[in-house]
Amino acid sequence: MMKTKIFHSEKDNIETLIAYAANILRQGGLVVFPTETVYGIGANALNPDAAHNIYQVKGRPSDNPLIVHVANEKDVSKYAQTITDDAMKLMEAFWPGPLTIVFNKQPIIPEAITGGLDTVAIRMPSHPIAKALIQEANVPVCAPSANISGTPSSTIFKHVHDDLNGKVDVIIDGGQSTVGLESTVLDMTTDTPVILRPGAITKSMIETIIKRDVIDTTVHITDDTIPKAPGMKYRHYAPEGDVTLLKGTHKNMITFITQQDQSIGVIGSNELCAQLSDYHTYPLGPKDDPELIARNVFLALRTMDEHNIRTIYVEAFENKELGQAIMNRLLKASNHTIIEV
């Protein structure tokens, strides 16, 4: 195990921690840093060896591409071949923020971070620490979620520390992620733009900006599929316990849950959890507040592991707009196990 340098943004000097972490990135090291979506484990995207270390630390399949993070829109042309007018409109509307755009890549981007593909996924994060770190490092930063591959993504310092202390050079504590789900991934290399991963930037938001239809892909991913974006193919977001989604009215969910052993865990809206005081529950937020629910999904799954809960029931939410991104993560966490009650 290596000695991991820990920084806490509320206590440590920001300029000092940014300068130290940026130097580590330039030298080929690994830095865990906060973003508005989830925490990321970052490396110099132009250094294949550094990118390879991310895959090793996470236990991530090498054909699962990494997202490249930049600090300025003008940097995109260094790494992407063709930037269409629609892509420019989307960057102007949603960057910095939780939208990743897939472009055809420039040769400078190594295949080590693209899964061997000729495309590259690029995002400009809005978190001030992420922006400052990338700017100071003066290199593009490839950064998947800062967790062991397949487990729930990390949205607080404790969880990245639990997973990665002693495995990376630096961890920066920047508080809880405000969005709580990974970015929307939009492929702009096809005639019709294609959403490869849903997130906080929704299909309707994208279509409003570019004034044309977008395909929201839900194509079945097989073992032979070449994933074009993170999370398309492999098991993701799963805690150690078995997750089952419950679809139906709160009344029917309560009837079903109260027939189960009290050792189970329940994740759901405040309204549902308030009626299950005899069970271990994690209220995500009011049912009509999808932003708060999204922010707490991974935190709830992680908390179930901390309490050694081995059977977890999760309320299914409306599968539209931000709810679609929430359900995307929950369906993957449950291996698409759902019971209608």
Protein backbone atom coordinates (compact mmCIF):
# COMPACT_ATOMS: atom_id res chain seq x y z
CA MET A 1 0.00 0.00 0.00
CA MET A 2 1.15 3.51 -0.80
CA LYS A 3 0.80 6.47 1.52
CA THR A 4 -2.20 8.51 0.40
CA LYS A 5 -2.09 12.26 0.98
CA ILE A 6 -5.45 13.45 2.33
CA PHE A 7 -6.75 16.99 1.88
CA HIS A 8 -9.94 18.45 3.37
CA SER A 9 -11.16 21.49 1.44
CA GLU A 10 -12.84 23.02 4.50
CA LYS A 11 -9.62 22.95 6.56
CA ASP A 12 -6.67 22.96 4.16
CA ASN A 13 -5.46 25.82 1.99
CA ILE A 14 -7.16 25.43 -1.40
CA GLU A 15 -4.27 26.84 -3.42
CA THR A 16 -1.81 24.51 -1.69
CA LEU A 17 -3.89 21.37 -2.16
CA ILE A 18 -4.64 22.19 -5.81
CA ALA A 19 -0.97 22.83 -6.58
CA TYR A 20 0.10 19.59 -4.87
CA ALA A 21 -2.56 17.44 -6.54
CA ALA A 22 -1.99 19.01 -9.98
CA ASN A 23 1.71 18.19 -9.74
CA ILE A 24 0.86 14.57 -8.91
CA LEU A 25 -1.32 14.39 -12.04
CA ARG A 26 1.46 15.80 -14.23
CA GLN A 27 3.87 13.22 -12.79
CA GLY A 28 1.52 10.34 -13.71
CA GLY A 29 -0.08 9.79 -10.31
CA LEU A 30 -3.71 9.23 -9.31
CA VAL A 31 -5.84 11.88 -7.61
CA VAL A 32 -9.35 11.40 -6.22
CA PHE A 33 -11.30 14.64 -6.44
CA PRO A 34 -14.89 15.84 -6.00
CA THR A 35 -17.15 16.73 -8.89
CA GLU A 36 -20.79 17.81 -8.90
CA THR A 37 -21.85 14.35 -10.14
CA VAL A 38 -19.78 11.85 -8.11
CA TYR A 39 -16.17 11.69 -6.92
CA GLY A 40 -13.67 10.85 -9.67
CA ILE A 41 -10.33 9.05 -9.69
CA GLY A 42 -8.20 11.10 -12.07
CA ALA A 43 -5.05 10.65 -14.12
CA ASN A 44 -3.34 12.48 -16.96
CA ALA A 45 -5.43 11.46 -19.98
CA LEU A 46 -2.39 11.75 -22.27
CA ASN A 47 -0.37 9.25 -20.20
CA PRO A 48 -1.34 5.63 -21.06
CA ASP A 49 0.51 4.22 -18.05
CA ALA A 50 -1.34 6.52 -15.67
CA ALA A 51 -4.66 5.56 -17.26
CA HIS A 52 -3.72 1.89 -16.95
CA ASN A 53 -3.22 2.42 -13.21
CA ILE A 54 -6.83 3.61 -12.91
CA TYR A 55 -8.05 0.35 -14.42
CA GLN A 56 -5.85 -1.63 -12.04
CA VAL A 57 -6.89 0.25 -8.90
CA LYS A 58 -10.59 0.05 -9.72
CA GLY A 59 -10.52 -3.49 -11.10
CA ARG A 60 -12.16 -2.02 -14.20
CA PRO A 61 -12.40 -3.91 -17.52
CA SER A 62 -10.01 -2.39 -20.06
CA ASP A 63 -12.72 -2.04 -22.74
CA ASN A 64 -14.78 0.24 -20.49
CA PRO A 65 -13.82 3.76 -21.72
CA LEU A 66 -12.89 6.67 -19.47
CA ILE A 67 -14.28 10.21 -19.66
CA VAL A 68 -11.81 13.01 -20.34
CA HIS A 69 -12.35 16.12 -18.21
CA VAL A 70 -11.29 19.56 -19.42
CA ALA A 71 -11.28 23.02 -17.86
CA ASN A 72 -12.09 25.06 -20.98
CA GLU A 73 -14.27 24.64 -24.06
CA LYS A 74 -11.36 25.71 -26.26
CA ASP A 75 -9.45 22.61 -25.16
CA VAL A 76 -12.00 20.30 -26.80
CA SER A 77 -10.56 20.86 -30.28
CA LYS A 78 -7.23 19.48 -29.05
CA TYR A 79 -8.82 16.11 -28.32
CA ALA A 80 -11.89 15.93 -30.61
CA GLN A 81 -11.81 15.92 -34.41
CA THR A 82 -15.13 17.45 -35.42
CA ILE A 83 -17.17 19.75 -33.21
CA THR A 84 -20.57 20.24 -34.81
CA ASP A 85 -22.79 23.28 -34.39
CA ASP A 86 -25.12 21.17 -32.23
CA ALA A 87 -22.24 20.10 -30.00
CA MET A 88 -21.24 23.74 -29.61
CA LYS A 89 -24.80 24.66 -28.64
CA LEU A 90 -24.86 21.91 -26.01
CA MET A 91 -21.52 22.95 -24.55
CA GLU A 92 -22.71 26.55 -24.33
CA ALA A 93 -25.95 25.46 -22.65
CA PHE A 94 -24.73 22.80 -20.22
CA TRP A 95 -21.00 23.26 -19.66
CA PRO A 96 -19.63 23.36 -17.12
CA GLY A 97 -22.01 20.70 -15.86
CA PRO A 98 -23.14 17.07 -15.91
CA LEU A 99 -23.13 16.44 -19.68
CA THR A 100 -20.51 14.29 -21.40
CA ILE A 101 -20.26 14.48 -25.20
CA VAL A 102 -18.75 11.72 -27.35
CA PHE A 103 -16.64 12.92 -30.31
CA ASN A 104 -14.33 11.28 -32.82
CA LYS A 105 -10.94 11.52 -31.13
CA GLN A 106 -7.73 13.21 -32.14
CA PRO A 107 -4.64 10.94 -32.36
CA ILE A 108 -3.22 12.58 -29.21
CA ILE A 109 -5.79 10.69 -27.11
CA PRO A 110 -4.36 7.22 -26.34
CA GLU A 111 -6.48 4.13 -26.98
CA ALA A 112 -5.73 3.11 -23.40
CA ILE A 113 -8.54 5.41 -22.21
CA THR A 114 -11.02 4.83 -25.05
CA GLY A 115 -11.31 1.06 -24.89
CA GLY A 116 -9.62 0.89 -28.29
CA LEU A 117 -12.33 3.00 -29.93
CA ASP A 118 -11.78 5.96 -32.25
CA THR A 119 -14.10 8.10 -30.11
CA VAL A 120 -13.52 10.06 -26.92
CA ALA A 121 -16.00 11.18 -24.25
CA ILE A 122 -15.37 14.71 -22.93
CA ARG A 123 -16.88 16.71 -20.06
CA MET A 124 -16.24 20.00 -18.29
CA PRO A 125 -17.16 19.64 -14.61
CA SER A 126 -18.65 22.55 -12.67
CA HIS A 127 -17.29 21.73 -9.20
CA PRO A 128 -14.82 24.49 -8.28
CA ILE A 129 -12.16 22.07 -7.01
CA ALA A 130 -12.39 19.91 -10.14
CA LYS A 131 -12.18 22.96 -12.40
CA ALA A 132 -9.22 24.43 -10.52
CA LEU A 133 -7.37 21.10 -10.43
CA ILE A 134 -7.67 20.49 -14.18
CA GLN A 135 -6.74 24.10 -14.94
CA GLU A 136 -3.65 23.97 -12.72
CA ALA A 137 -2.54 20.56 -13.98
CA ASN A 138 -2.76 21.90 -17.55
CA VAL A 139 -3.50 18.39 -18.88
CA PRO A 140 -6.81 16.68 -19.68
CA VAL A 141 -7.86 14.42 -16.81
CA CYS A 142 -9.46 11.03 -17.42
CA ALA A 143 -11.59 10.18 -14.42
CA PRO A 144 -14.15 7.43 -13.84
CA SER A 145 -16.09 7.27 -10.58
CA ALA A 146 -13.86 6.85 -7.52
CA ASN A 147 -14.97 3.43 -6.33
CA ILE A 148 -14.15 -0.23 -6.84
CA SER A 149 -15.63 -1.26 -10.18
CA GLY A 150 -19.19 -2.59 -9.93
CA THR A 151 -19.98 -1.06 -6.54
CA PRO A 152 -22.11 2.05 -5.87
CA SER A 153 -20.35 5.25 -6.91
CA SER A 154 -19.01 7.48 -4.14
CA THR A 155 -20.61 10.84 -3.38
CA ILE A 156 -18.94 11.55 -0.01
CA PHE A 157 -15.35 11.52 1.25
CA LYS A 158 -15.84 8.58 3.64
CA HIS A 159 -16.74 6.21 0.83
CA VAL A 160 -13.81 7.12 -1.43
CA HIS A 161 -11.53 6.85 1.59
CA ASP A 162 -12.93 3.40 2.43
CA ASP A 163 -12.36 2.18 -1.13
CA LEU A 164 -9.14 3.89 -2.20
CA ASN A 165 -7.01 4.97 0.77
CA GLY A 166 -3.59 3.42 0.24
CA LYS A 167 -4.25 2.83 -3.47
CA VAL A 168 -3.99 6.37 -4.86
CA ASP A 169 -1.62 9.28 -4.34
CA VAL A 170 -4.12 11.93 -3.24
CA ILE A 171 -7.72 12.11 -2.01
CA ILE A 172 -9.42 15.52 -1.81
CA ASP A 173 -12.46 15.83 0.45
CA GLY A 174 -14.87 18.30 -1.12
CA GLY A 175 -18.10 17.44 0.70
CA GLN A 176 -21.12 15.66 -0.74
CA SER A 177 -21.68 15.70 -4.50
CA THR A 178 -24.65 17.91 -5.37
CA VAL A 179 -26.01 15.93 -8.34
CA GLY A 180 -25.21 12.46 -7.02
CA LEU A 181 -25.47 10.57 -10.34
CA GLU A 182 -22.89 10.30 -13.11
CA SER A 183 -23.20 12.64 -16.09
CA THR A 184 -25.45 12.16 -19.08
CA VAL A 185 -23.41 10.70 -21.95
CA LEU A 186 -24.45 11.86 -25.43
CA ASP A 187 -22.91 10.44 -28.61
CA MET A 188 -22.59 13.16 -31.24
CA THR A 189 -20.69 11.02 -33.78
CA THR A 190 -23.87 9.60 -35.32
CA ASP A 191 -26.35 11.24 -37.72
CA THR A 192 -28.87 11.38 -34.88
CA PRO A 193 -27.48 12.10 -31.39
CA VAL A 194 -27.77 9.13 -29.04
CA ILE A 195 -27.98 9.14 -25.24
CA LEU A 196 -25.72 6.33 -24.03
CA ARG A 197 -26.24 6.99 -20.31
CA PRO A 198 -29.04 9.05 -18.76
CA GLY A 199 -28.25 11.70 -16.19
CA ALA A 200 -29.30 15.09 -14.88
CA ILE A 201 -29.26 16.58 -18.39
CA THR A 202 -32.36 14.91 -19.83
CA LYS A 203 -33.48 14.06 -23.35
CA SER A 204 -36.03 16.88 -23.40
CA MET A 205 -33.41 19.39 -22.21
CA ILE A 206 -31.05 18.36 -25.01
CA GLU A 207 -33.77 18.46 -27.67
CA THR A 208 -34.82 21.92 -26.54
CA ILE A 209 -31.31 23.21 -27.27
CA ILE A 210 -30.58 21.51 -30.60
CA LYS A 211 -34.17 21.60 -31.89
CA ARG A 212 -34.20 18.02 -33.17
CA ASP A 213 -34.88 14.50 -31.97
CA VAL A 214 -32.43 12.54 -29.87
CA ILE A 215 -32.39 8.76 -29.55
CA ASP A 216 -32.45 7.54 -25.97
CA THR A 217 -30.92 4.11 -26.31
CA THR A 218 -32.16 1.24 -24.17
CA VAL A 219 -30.68 -1.41 -26.45
CA HIS A 220 -29.90 -4.68 -24.70
CA ILE A 221 -26.16 -4.91 -24.04
CA THR A 222 -24.63 -8.36 -24.59
CA ASP A 223 -21.23 -9.81 -23.76
CA ASP A 224 -20.15 -9.08 -27.35
CA THR A 225 -21.13 -5.40 -27.21
CA ILE A 226 -18.34 -2.83 -27.46
CA PRO A 227 -19.26 -0.20 -24.84
CA LYS A 228 -18.96 3.36 -26.13
CA ALA A 229 -19.52 4.96 -22.73
CA PRO A 230 -18.93 4.00 -19.10
CA GLY A 231 -21.55 1.74 -17.56
CA MET A 232 -23.11 0.40 -20.76
CA LYS A 233 -22.04 -3.21 -20.41
CA TYR A 234 -20.75 -4.25 -17.01
CA ARG A 235 -22.50 -4.75 -13.68
CA HIS A 236 -22.62 -1.40 -11.94
CA TYR A 237 -23.69 0.34 -8.74
CA ALA A 238 -24.42 -2.85 -6.77
CA PRO A 239 -23.98 -3.05 -2.99
CA GLU A 240 -22.99 -6.29 -1.28
CA GLY A 241 -26.63 -7.06 -0.45
CA ASP A 242 -29.24 -8.28 -2.94
CA VAL A 243 -31.33 -5.43 -4.34
CA THR A 244 -34.94 -5.84 -5.50
CA LEU A 245 -37.06 -3.01 -6.87
CA LEU A 246 -40.70 -2.71 -5.81
CA LYS A 247 -43.19 -1.24 -8.27
CA GLY A 248 -46.71 -0.37 -7.18
CA THR A 249 -48.66 1.76 -4.74
CA HIS A 250 -47.24 2.64 -1.33
CA LYS A 251 -50.06 0.65 0.25
CA ASN A 252 -49.09 -2.48 -1.65
CA MET A 253 -45.39 -1.94 -0.98
CA ILE A 254 -46.05 -1.65 2.75
CA THR A 255 -48.15 -4.82 2.71
CA PHE A 256 -45.36 -6.68 0.93
CA ILE A 257 -42.54 -5.33 3.12
CA THR A 258 -44.29 -5.99 6.42
CA GLN A 259 -44.51 -9.65 5.47
CA GLN A 260 -40.69 -9.79 5.36
CA ASP A 261 -38.17 -10.35 8.12
CA GLN A 262 -37.18 -7.16 9.95
CA SER A 263 -33.52 -7.70 9.01
CA ILE A 264 -34.21 -6.33 5.53
CA GLY A 265 -33.43 -2.80 4.44
CA VAL A 266 -35.75 -0.42 2.61
CA ILE A 267 -34.73 2.52 0.42
CA GLY A 268 -37.47 4.82 -0.78
CA SER A 269 -39.21 8.16 -0.62
CA ASN A 270 -39.79 9.88 2.71
CA GLU A 271 -43.49 9.08 2.40
CA LEU A 272 -42.87 5.33 2.14
CA CYS A 273 -40.14 5.08 4.76
CA ALA A 274 -42.18 7.06 7.32
CA GLN A 275 -44.63 4.16 7.43
CA LEU A 276 -41.97 1.49 8.04
CA SER A 277 -40.50 2.50 11.39
CA ASP A 278 -39.88 -1.13 12.41
CA TYR A 279 -37.46 -1.64 9.53
CA HIS A 280 -34.03 -0.32 8.62
CA THR A 281 -34.89 2.42 6.14
CA TYR A 282 -33.07 5.09 4.18
CA PRO A 283 -35.41 7.96 3.17
CA LEU A 284 -34.14 9.48 -0.08
CA GLY A 285 -36.31 12.59 0.02
CA PRO A 286 -39.89 13.59 -0.83
CA LYS A 287 -41.33 11.68 -3.77
CA ASP A 288 -41.81 14.93 -5.71
CA ASP A 289 -38.15 15.97 -5.30
CA PRO A 290 -36.18 13.87 -7.85
CA GLU A 291 -33.08 16.06 -7.47
CA LEU A 292 -32.77 15.18 -3.78
CA ILE A 293 -33.57 11.52 -4.45
CA ALA A 294 -30.86 11.35 -7.13
CA ARG A 295 -28.36 12.97 -4.77
CA ASN A 296 -28.95 10.28 -2.14
CA VAL A 297 -29.27 7.06 -4.19
CA PHE A 298 -25.64 5.94 -4.01
CA LEU A 299 -25.32 7.13 -0.44
CA ALA A 300 -28.30 4.95 0.52
CA LEU A 301 -26.88 1.85 -1.19
CA ARG A 302 -23.52 2.39 0.52
CA THR A 303 -25.20 2.87 3.89
CA MET A 304 -26.94 -0.50 3.55
CA ASP A 305 -23.50 -2.11 3.21
CA GLU A 306 -22.28 -0.29 6.31
CA HIS A 307 -25.18 -1.83 8.25
CA ASN A 308 -24.51 -5.26 6.74
CA ILE A 309 -27.99 -5.44 5.20
CA ARG A 310 -28.14 -8.41 2.87
CA THR A 311 -31.67 -8.03 1.49
CA ILE A 312 -32.61 -4.58 0.20
CA TYR A 313 -35.93 -3.46 -1.25
CA VAL A 314 -35.97 -0.20 -3.18
CA GLU A 315 -38.97 1.82 -4.27
CA ALA A 316 -39.22 2.17 -8.05
CA PHE A 317 -39.68 5.74 -9.26
CA GLU A 318 -41.36 7.24 -12.30
CA ASN A 319 -39.17 6.45 -15.30
CA LYS A 320 -39.09 9.85 -16.98
CA GLU A 321 -36.84 12.94 -16.99
CA LEU A 322 -34.41 12.73 -14.02
CA GLY A 323 -36.36 9.72 -12.76
CA GLN A 324 -35.05 7.81 -15.78
CA ALA A 325 -31.47 8.34 -14.63
CA ILE A 326 -32.40 7.27 -11.11
CA MET A 327 -34.08 4.11 -12.40
CA ASN A 328 -31.15 3.39 -14.72
CA ARG A 329 -28.83 3.17 -11.70
CA LEU A 330 -31.31 1.21 -9.58
CA LEU A 331 -32.05 -1.30 -12.33
CA LYS A 332 -28.32 -1.95 -12.74
CA ALA A 333 -27.84 -2.21 -8.97
CA SER A 334 -30.64 -4.80 -8.81
CA ASN A 335 -29.57 -6.67 -11.95
CA HIS A 336 -33.03 -5.72 -13.29
CA THR A 337 -34.80 -7.58 -10.48
CA ILE A 338 -38.20 -5.97 -10.01
CA ILE A 339 -41.41 -7.11 -8.30
CA GLU A 340 -44.79 -5.58 -9.06
CA VAL A 341 -46.87 -5.41 -5.88
